[in-house]
Amino acid sequence: MTGDAALGEARPPFERAWKGAVAVLLWVTIAVTVWRRRRRRIESRAAGGAERR
């Protein structure tokens, strides 16, 4: 979807815009989720607790 939004030829501007917005939201959600999991794992190890999955 990201590539279609960025490079979609013969696509109406509104379609490219909403696909781009959805792609940005998706990538931000993934980045925040990964960041939270890493932070939680580091805090857990620092506290001496068992690693959660």
C-alpha atoms as a PDB file:
ATOM      1  CA  MET A   1       0.000   0.000   0.000  1.00  0.00           C
ATOM      2  CA  THR A   2       2.861   2.365   0.751  1.00  0.00           C
ATOM      3  CA  GLY A   3       4.358   1.918  -2.691  1.00  0.00           C
ATOM      4  CA  ASP A   4       0.996   2.355  -4.379  1.00  0.00           C
ATOM      5  CA  ALA A   5       0.435   5.606  -2.502  1.00  0.00           C
ATOM      6  CA  ALA A   6       3.882   6.932  -3.355  1.00  0.00           C
ATOM      7  CA  LEU A   7       4.229   5.675  -6.919  1.00  0.00           C
ATOM      8  CA  GLY A   8       0.683   4.892  -8.034  1.00  0.00           C
ATOM      9  CA  GLU A   9       0.384   6.011 -11.599  1.00  0.00           C
ATOM     10  CA  ALA A  10      -2.995   7.038 -12.991  1.00  0.00           C
ATOM     11  CA  ARG A  11      -4.488   7.145  -9.491  1.00  0.00           C
ATOM     12  CA  PRO A  12      -6.689  10.022  -8.375  1.00  0.00           C
ATOM     13  CA  PRO A  13      -5.011  12.359  -5.861  1.00  0.00           C
ATOM     14  CA  PHE A  14      -7.545  11.615  -3.103  1.00  0.00           C
ATOM     15  CA  GLU A  15      -6.899   7.863  -3.406  1.00  0.00           C
ATOM     16  CA  ARG A  16      -3.144   8.371  -3.145  1.00  0.00           C
ATOM     17  CA  ALA A  17      -3.663  10.690  -0.164  1.00  0.00           C
ATOM     18  CA  TRP A  18      -5.782   8.290   1.893  1.00  0.00           C
ATOM     19  CA  LYS A  19      -3.527   5.344   1.087  1.00  0.00           C
ATOM     20  CA  GLY A  20      -0.525   7.398   2.151  1.00  0.00           C
ATOM     21  CA  ALA A  21      -2.240   8.443   5.382  1.00  0.00           C
ATOM     22  CA  VAL A  22      -3.170   4.845   6.213  1.00  0.00           C
ATOM     23  CA  ALA A  23       0.381   3.684   5.466  1.00  0.00           C
ATOM     24  CA  VAL A  24       1.867   6.354   7.755  1.00  0.00           C
ATOM     25  CA  LEU A  25      -0.509   5.429  10.578  1.00  0.00           C
ATOM     26  CA  LEU A  26       0.329   1.752  10.162  1.00  0.00           C
ATOM     27  CA  TRP A  27       4.098   2.343  10.260  1.00  0.00           C
ATOM     28  CA  VAL A  28       3.784   4.627  13.305  1.00  0.00           C
ATOM     29  CA  THR A  29       1.713   1.985  15.105  1.00  0.00           C
ATOM     30  CA  ILE A  30       4.309  -0.687  14.364  1.00  0.00           C
ATOM     31  CA  ALA A  31       7.171   1.558  15.529  1.00  0.00           C
ATOM     32  CA  VAL A  32       5.414   2.442  18.800  1.00  0.00           C
ATOM     33  CA  THR A  33       4.586  -1.206  19.500  1.00  0.00           C
ATOM     34  CA  VAL A  34       8.182  -2.318  18.940  1.00  0.00           C
ATOM     35  CA  TRP A  35       9.503   0.553  21.057  1.00  0.00           C
ATOM     36  CA  ARG A  36       7.145  -0.283  23.959  1.00  0.00           C
ATOM     37  CA  ARG A  37       8.054  -3.977  23.878  1.00  0.00           C
ATOM     38  CA  ARG A  38      11.785  -3.225  23.919  1.00  0.00           C
ATOM     39  CA  ARG A  39      11.400  -0.715  26.737  1.00  0.00           C
ATOM     40  CA  ARG A  40       9.324  -3.165  28.781  1.00  0.00           C
ATOM     41  CA  ARG A  41      11.910  -5.922  28.242  1.00  0.00           C
ATOM     42  CA  ILE A  42      14.784  -3.644  29.287  1.00  0.00           C
ATOM     43  CA  GLU A  43      12.914  -2.468  32.398  1.00  0.00           C
ATOM     44  CA  SER A  44      12.074  -6.044  33.314  1.00  0.00           C
ATOM     45  CA  ARG A  45      15.703  -7.120  33.055  1.00  0.00           C
ATOM     46  CA  ALA A  46      16.864  -4.107  35.068  1.00  0.00           C
ATOM     47  CA  ALA A  47      14.384  -4.951  37.822  1.00  0.00           C
ATOM     48  CA  GLY A  48      15.595  -8.563  37.909  1.00  0.00           C
ATOM     49  CA  GLY A  49      12.231  -9.960  36.897  1.00  0.00           C
ATOM     50  CA  ALA A  50      11.503 -12.791  34.518  1.00  0.00           C
ATOM     51  CA  GLU A  51      11.170 -11.956  30.833  1.00  0.00           C
ATOM     52  CA  ARG A  52       7.569 -11.810  29.629  1.00  0.00           C
ATOM     53  CA  ARG A  53       6.409 -12.980  26.239  1.00  0.00           C
END
